[in-house]
């Protein structure tokens, strides 16, 4: 069974993204190698941002087995992220 993937779509110029970044790092540290965390700069990877129809940053996308199971726009706290990821492990 594949582990869940957490995509963090962000931009370097985005203030809320600077708040979200450390939260993602904290969750990644707690979850260890059970979750695959991918940070995606929408300015460097516009094709990937378009594929996921990202129009707001930060946007978090959680996938399991190649299918999107959660999409969160705006800053999301660590407790909420963990509560969404744990059932997917």
Protein backbone atom coordinates (compact mmCIF):
# COMPACT_ATOMS: atom_id res chain seq x y z
CA UNK A 1 0.00 0.00 0.00
CA UNK A 2 1.37 3.39 -0.99
CA UNK A 3 1.93 6.04 1.61
CA UNK A 4 -0.05 9.29 1.42
CA UNK A 5 1.48 12.25 -0.40
CA UNK A 6 1.15 15.79 0.96
CA UNK A 7 1.71 18.49 -1.66
CA UNK A 8 2.42 21.97 -0.29
CA UNK A 9 1.78 24.44 -3.12
CA UNK A 10 3.40 27.75 -2.18
CA UNK A 11 5.08 30.88 -3.56
CA UNK A 12 8.14 32.66 -2.19
CA UNK A 13 6.31 36.02 -2.27
CA UNK A 14 3.31 34.70 -0.29
CA UNK A 15 3.07 35.81 3.37
CA UNK A 16 0.69 33.05 4.53
CA UNK A 17 2.99 30.51 2.85
CA UNK A 18 5.78 31.60 5.21
CA UNK A 19 3.45 30.71 8.09
CA UNK A 20 2.46 27.37 6.52
CA UNK A 21 6.05 26.27 5.79
CA UNK A 22 7.15 25.59 9.39
CA UNK A 23 3.83 23.83 10.08
CA UNK A 24 4.49 21.46 7.15
CA UNK A 25 8.03 20.83 8.41
CA UNK A 26 6.69 20.03 11.90
CA UNK A 27 4.10 17.58 10.55
CA UNK A 28 6.71 15.98 8.25
CA UNK A 29 9.05 15.49 11.22
CA UNK A 30 6.28 13.92 13.33
CA UNK A 31 5.04 11.62 10.55
CA UNK A 32 8.53 10.61 9.44
CA UNK A 33 8.73 8.41 6.36
CA UNK A 34 5.05 7.40 6.63
CA UNK A 35 4.08 10.45 4.55
CA UNK A 36 5.73 11.72 1.38
CA UNK A 37 5.87 15.55 1.61
CA UNK A 38 6.44 17.50 -1.60
CA UNK A 39 6.88 21.27 -1.57
CA UNK A 40 5.89 22.81 -4.90
CA UNK A 41 6.77 26.42 -5.77
CA UNK A 42 3.95 27.44 -8.13
CA UNK A 43 6.21 29.92 -9.91
CA UNK A 44 8.86 27.28 -10.66
CA UNK A 45 6.39 24.50 -11.51
CA UNK A 46 3.39 26.16 -13.21
CA UNK A 47 2.47 22.96 -15.09
CA UNK A 48 2.02 21.05 -11.84
CA UNK A 49 0.09 23.96 -10.33
CA UNK A 50 -2.19 23.97 -13.39
CA UNK A 51 -2.68 20.20 -13.19
CA UNK A 52 -4.03 20.64 -9.64
CA UNK A 53 -5.89 23.86 -10.56
CA UNK A 54 -4.08 25.89 -7.90
CA UNK A 55 -5.39 29.45 -7.79
CA UNK A 56 -4.70 30.22 -4.10
CA UNK A 57 -1.49 29.73 -2.15
CA UNK A 58 -0.89 28.11 0.17
CA UNK A 59 -2.90 25.10 -1.00
CA UNK A 60 -2.33 21.64 0.44
CA UNK A 61 -3.33 18.54 -1.48
CA UNK A 62 -3.34 15.11 0.14
CA UNK A 63 -3.32 12.10 -2.17
CA UNK A 64 -3.62 8.41 -1.41
CA UNK A 65 -3.06 5.76 -4.09
CA UNK A 66 -2.85 8.49 -6.75
CA UNK A 67 -6.25 10.00 -5.87
CA UNK A 68 -6.86 13.35 -4.20
CA UNK A 69 -8.58 12.82 -0.84
CA UNK A 70 -8.23 16.31 0.69
CA UNK A 71 -7.63 19.84 -0.60
CA UNK A 72 -7.05 22.68 1.84
CA UNK A 73 -6.68 26.33 0.85
CA UNK A 74 -5.09 28.86 3.17
CA UNK A 75 -3.02 28.19 6.30
CA UNK A 76 -3.85 24.84 7.92
CA UNK A 77 -2.71 24.02 11.45
CA UNK A 78 -0.66 20.94 12.35
CA UNK A 79 -3.42 19.25 14.37
CA UNK A 80 -5.84 19.38 11.41
CA UNK A 81 -3.21 18.07 9.00
CA UNK A 82 -2.31 15.20 11.31
CA UNK A 83 -5.99 14.32 11.80
CA UNK A 84 -6.40 14.07 8.02
CA UNK A 85 -3.19 12.10 7.42
CA UNK A 86 -3.32 9.54 10.24
CA UNK A 87 -6.35 7.61 8.89
CA UNK A 88 -4.51 7.23 5.56
CA UNK A 89 -1.48 5.48 7.07
